Amino acid sequence: MLKTNKSIENKTLFFIISIILLTFIARDFYIKSEVKKLNKFTIVKFTLKDDLPKRTNFYFTYILNRERITTANSGIKYSILNSKSETKIIDNLKINCFYLAKYDPKYPNIIIVDPLKKVTDTTAILKAGFTKKDIKN
């Protein structure tokens, strides 16, 4: 009788954890679709590529309401679903360079960076809230 209760507890715990995980995944997809629909653009700076044993994080920084926001949730990632050309584009990202990204001010930690849209116009970068010091680094 004791084994049955333990088994039920394990199944219940697994079910609850699965629901929580699926909720977070669904929320991320929902927010990214909202960011795409809003079609609002900003300039972001590629600040860090963090190579971990099983994944690589790409960190981008941008300015929103005079606040510096850094996020790795940028739509840039290595994946087995990426084509060779997508992987090559990601490999060609340059640290301390600026790119165009979609964003939603309601969800500042989720952006969608376009790795093909490199921004070099100093005036546009300064208008986006960056400083001359940001451009030189």
C-alpha atoms as a PDB file:
ATOM      1  CA  MET A   1       0.000   0.000   0.000  1.00  0.00           C
ATOM      2  CA  LEU A   2       2.876   2.385   0.782  1.00  0.00           C
ATOM      3  CA  LYS A   3       4.421   1.930  -2.693  1.00  0.00           C
ATOM      4  CA  THR A   4       1.153   2.859  -4.373  1.00  0.00           C
ATOM      5  CA  ASN A   5       0.895   6.142  -2.453  1.00  0.00           C
ATOM      6  CA  LYS A   6       4.526   6.973  -3.305  1.00  0.00           C
ATOM      7  CA  SER A   7       3.872   6.196  -6.971  1.00  0.00           C
ATOM      8  CA  ILE A   8       0.794   8.431  -7.007  1.00  0.00           C
ATOM      9  CA  GLU A   9       2.763  11.227  -5.334  1.00  0.00           C
ATOM     10  CA  ASN A  10       5.546  10.935  -7.932  1.00  0.00           C
ATOM     11  CA  LYS A  11       3.071  10.985 -10.825  1.00  0.00           C
ATOM     12  CA  THR A  12       1.288  14.003  -9.349  1.00  0.00           C
ATOM     13  CA  LEU A  13       4.559  15.853  -8.848  1.00  0.00           C
ATOM     14  CA  PHE A  14       5.661  15.044 -12.412  1.00  0.00           C
ATOM     15  CA  PHE A  15       2.295  16.277 -13.738  1.00  0.00           C
ATOM     16  CA  ILE A  16       2.501  19.557 -11.815  1.00  0.00           C
ATOM     17  CA  ILE A  17       6.083  20.220 -12.918  1.00  0.00           C
ATOM     18  CA  SER A  18       5.133  19.445 -16.540  1.00  0.00           C
ATOM     19  CA  ILE A  19       2.225  21.889 -16.433  1.00  0.00           C
ATOM     20  CA  ILE A  20       4.435  24.632 -14.965  1.00  0.00           C
ATOM     21  CA  LEU A  21       7.117  24.037 -17.608  1.00  0.00           C
ATOM     22  CA  LEU A  22       4.581  24.070 -20.450  1.00  0.00           C
ATOM     23  CA  THR A  23       3.097  27.299 -19.082  1.00  0.00           C
ATOM     24  CA  PHE A  24       6.499  29.033 -19.182  1.00  0.00           C
ATOM     25  CA  ILE A  25       7.181  27.787 -22.710  1.00  0.00           C
ATOM     26  CA  ALA A  26       3.744  28.891 -23.924  1.00  0.00           C
ATOM     27  CA  ARG A  27       4.216  32.305 -22.275  1.00  0.00           C
ATOM     28  CA  ASP A  28       7.558  32.791 -24.053  1.00  0.00           C
ATOM     29  CA  PHE A  29       6.010  31.903 -27.446  1.00  0.00           C
ATOM     30  CA  TYR A  30       3.051  34.205 -26.772  1.00  0.00           C
ATOM     31  CA  ILE A  31       5.271  37.157 -25.830  1.00  0.00           C
ATOM     32  CA  LYS A  32       7.516  36.649 -28.870  1.00  0.00           C
ATOM     33  CA  SER A  33       4.458  36.646 -31.124  1.00  0.00           C
ATOM     34  CA  GLU A  34       3.307  39.899 -29.457  1.00  0.00           C
ATOM     35  CA  VAL A  35       6.736  41.448 -30.037  1.00  0.00           C
ATOM     36  CA  LYS A  36       6.585  40.455 -33.713  1.00  0.00           C
ATOM     37  CA  LYS A  37       3.055  41.840 -34.128  1.00  0.00           C
ATOM     38  CA  LEU A  38       3.826  45.166 -32.440  1.00  0.00           C
ATOM     39  CA  ASN A  39       6.565  45.774 -35.004  1.00  0.00           C
ATOM     40  CA  LYS A  40       8.408  48.311 -32.832  1.00  0.00           C
ATOM     41  CA  PHE A  41      12.145  48.608 -33.476  1.00  0.00           C
ATOM     42  CA  THR A  42      15.177  49.667 -31.480  1.00  0.00           C
ATOM     43  CA  ILE A  43      18.932  49.390 -31.760  1.00  0.00           C
ATOM     44  CA  VAL A  44      20.728  46.834 -29.595  1.00  0.00           C
ATOM     45  CA  LYS A  45      24.398  46.228 -28.886  1.00  0.00           C
ATOM     46  CA  PHE A  46      25.813  42.689 -28.949  1.00  0.00           C
ATOM     47  CA  THR A  47      27.722  42.608 -25.653  1.00  0.00           C
ATOM     48  CA  LEU A  48      28.572  39.005 -24.812  1.00  0.00           C
ATOM     49  CA  LYS A  49      28.723  35.509 -26.236  1.00  0.00           C
ATOM     50  CA  ASP A  50      28.709  33.051 -23.353  1.00  0.00           C
ATOM     51  CA  ASP A  51      29.818  29.565 -24.454  1.00  0.00           C
ATOM     52  CA  LEU A  52      28.541  27.000 -21.963  1.00  0.00           C
ATOM     53  CA  PRO A  53      28.983  23.210 -22.176  1.00  0.00           C
ATOM     54  CA  LYS A  54      25.576  22.503 -23.729  1.00  0.00           C
ATOM     55  CA  ARG A  55      24.441  25.892 -25.042  1.00  0.00           C
ATOM     56  CA  THR A  56      25.593  29.329 -26.042  1.00  0.00           C
ATOM     57  CA  ASN A  57      23.939  32.511 -24.779  1.00  0.00           C
ATOM     58  CA  PHE A  58      24.025  35.690 -26.837  1.00  0.00           C
ATOM     59  CA  TYR A  59      23.582  38.844 -24.729  1.00  0.00           C
ATOM     60  CA  PHE A  60      22.312  42.107 -26.160  1.00  0.00           C
ATOM     61  CA  THR A  61      21.915  45.467 -24.442  1.00  0.00           C
ATOM     62  CA  TYR A  62      19.545  48.268 -25.332  1.00  0.00           C
ATOM     63  CA  ILE A  63      18.186  51.430 -23.775  1.00  0.00           C
ATOM     64  CA  LEU A  64      14.514  51.733 -22.772  1.00  0.00           C
ATOM     65  CA  ASN A  65      13.333  54.821 -20.890  1.00  0.00           C
ATOM     66  CA  ARG A  66      16.962  55.699 -20.087  1.00  0.00           C
ATOM     67  CA  GLU A  67      17.433  52.292 -18.475  1.00  0.00           C
ATOM     68  CA  ARG A  68      20.036  49.857 -19.782  1.00  0.00           C
ATOM     69  CA  ILE A  69      18.504  46.419 -20.345  1.00  0.00           C
ATOM     70  CA  THR A  70      20.601  43.337 -21.050  1.00  0.00           C
ATOM     71  CA  THR A  71      19.005  40.100 -22.163  1.00  0.00           C
ATOM     72  CA  ALA A  72      19.897  36.749 -23.668  1.00  0.00           C
ATOM     73  CA  ASN A  73      16.298  36.170 -24.769  1.00  0.00           C
ATOM     74  CA  SER A  74      16.920  37.620 -28.204  1.00  0.00           C
ATOM     75  CA  GLY A  75      15.813  34.980 -30.671  1.00  0.00           C
ATOM     76  CA  ILE A  76      19.474  34.269 -31.479  1.00  0.00           C
ATOM     77  CA  LYS A  77      20.509  30.719 -30.698  1.00  0.00           C
ATOM     78  CA  TYR A  78      22.293  27.735 -32.098  1.00  0.00           C
ATOM     79  CA  SER A  79      19.858  24.969 -32.901  1.00  0.00           C
ATOM     80  CA  ILE A  80      19.858  21.718 -34.802  1.00  0.00           C
ATOM     81  CA  LEU A  81      16.894  23.233 -36.670  1.00  0.00           C
ATOM     82  CA  ASN A  82      19.045  26.088 -38.006  1.00  0.00           C
ATOM     83  CA  SER A  83      20.150  25.884 -41.601  1.00  0.00           C
ATOM     84  CA  LYS A  84      23.841  26.198 -42.454  1.00  0.00           C
ATOM     85  CA  SER A  85      23.263  29.772 -43.592  1.00  0.00           C
ATOM     86  CA  GLU A  86      21.482  30.673 -40.315  1.00  0.00           C
ATOM     87  CA  THR A  87      24.362  29.227 -38.314  1.00  0.00           C
ATOM     88  CA  LYS A  88      26.857  31.153 -40.452  1.00  0.00           C
ATOM     89  CA  ILE A  89      24.920  34.398 -39.872  1.00  0.00           C
ATOM     90  CA  ILE A  90      24.976  33.782 -36.106  1.00  0.00           C
ATOM     91  CA  ASP A  91      28.706  33.010 -36.249  1.00  0.00           C
ATOM     92  CA  ASN A  92      29.276  36.347 -38.011  1.00  0.00           C
ATOM     93  CA  LEU A  93      27.755  38.420 -35.190  1.00  0.00           C
ATOM     94  CA  LYS A  94      30.393  40.791 -33.832  1.00  0.00           C
ATOM     95  CA  ILE A  95      30.776  41.739 -30.172  1.00  0.00           C
ATOM     96  CA  ASN A  96      30.270  45.487 -29.554  1.00  0.00           C
ATOM     97  CA  CYS A  97      28.405  45.937 -32.837  1.00  0.00           C
ATOM     98  CA  PHE A  98      24.870  47.264 -33.119  1.00  0.00           C
ATOM     99  CA  TYR A  99      21.864  45.523 -34.663  1.00  0.00           C
ATOM    100  CA  LEU A 100      18.204  46.237 -35.250  1.00  0.00           C
ATOM    101  CA  ALA A 101      15.737  44.420 -32.990  1.00  0.00           C
ATOM    102  CA  LYS A 102      12.000  44.266 -32.402  1.00  0.00           C
ATOM    103  CA  TYR A 103      10.806  44.851 -28.861  1.00  0.00           C
ATOM    104  CA  ASP A 104       7.734  45.500 -26.729  1.00  0.00           C
ATOM    105  CA  PRO A 105       8.125  47.875 -23.768  1.00  0.00           C
ATOM    106  CA  LYS A 106       5.725  45.665 -21.767  1.00  0.00           C
ATOM    107  CA  TYR A 107       8.214  42.773 -22.020  1.00  0.00           C
ATOM    108  CA  PRO A 108      11.656  44.406 -21.953  1.00  0.00           C
ATOM    109  CA  ASN A 109      13.632  41.166 -21.460  1.00  0.00           C
ATOM    110  CA  ILE A 110      12.374  39.594 -24.679  1.00  0.00           C
ATOM    111  CA  ILE A 111      13.596  41.018 -27.977  1.00  0.00           C
ATOM    112  CA  ILE A 112      13.975  39.674 -31.490  1.00  0.00           C
ATOM    113  CA  VAL A 113      17.318  40.646 -32.995  1.00  0.00           C
ATOM    114  CA  ASP A 114      17.778  40.670 -36.755  1.00  0.00           C
ATOM    115  CA  PRO A 115      21.391  39.513 -37.225  1.00  0.00           C
ATOM    116  CA  LEU A 116      21.316  40.695 -40.841  1.00  0.00           C
ATOM    117  CA  LYS A 117      20.508  44.300 -39.906  1.00  0.00           C
ATOM    118  CA  LYS A 118      23.779  45.692 -38.600  1.00  0.00           C
ATOM    119  CA  VAL A 119      23.524  49.364 -37.634  1.00  0.00           C
ATOM    120  CA  THR A 120      26.539  51.601 -38.261  1.00  0.00           C
ATOM    121  CA  ASP A 121      24.847  55.025 -38.318  1.00  0.00           C
ATOM    122  CA  THR A 122      26.308  56.823 -35.285  1.00  0.00           C
ATOM    123  CA  THR A 123      23.438  59.320 -35.166  1.00  0.00           C
ATOM    124  CA  ALA A 124      20.833  56.529 -35.017  1.00  0.00           C
ATOM    125  CA  ILE A 125      22.818  54.722 -32.306  1.00  0.00           C
ATOM    126  CA  LEU A 126      23.024  57.891 -30.208  1.00  0.00           C
ATOM    127  CA  LYS A 127      19.274  58.539 -30.726  1.00  0.00           C
ATOM    128  CA  ALA A 128      18.620  55.011 -29.402  1.00  0.00           C
ATOM    129  CA  GLY A 129      20.138  56.129 -26.081  1.00  0.00           C
ATOM    130  CA  PHE A 130      23.684  54.873 -26.347  1.00  0.00           C
ATOM    131  CA  THR A 131      26.639  57.130 -25.600  1.00  0.00           C
ATOM    132  CA  LYS A 132      29.783  57.856 -27.581  1.00  0.00           C
ATOM    133  CA  LYS A 133      31.605  55.639 -25.098  1.00  0.00           C
ATOM    134  CA  ASP A 134      29.285  52.746 -26.048  1.00  0.00           C
ATOM    135  CA  ILE A 135      30.156  53.239 -29.710  1.00  0.00           C
ATOM    136  CA  LYS A 136      33.918  53.235 -29.124  1.00  0.00           C
ATOM    137  CA  ASN A 137      33.926  49.956 -27.156  1.00  0.00           C
END
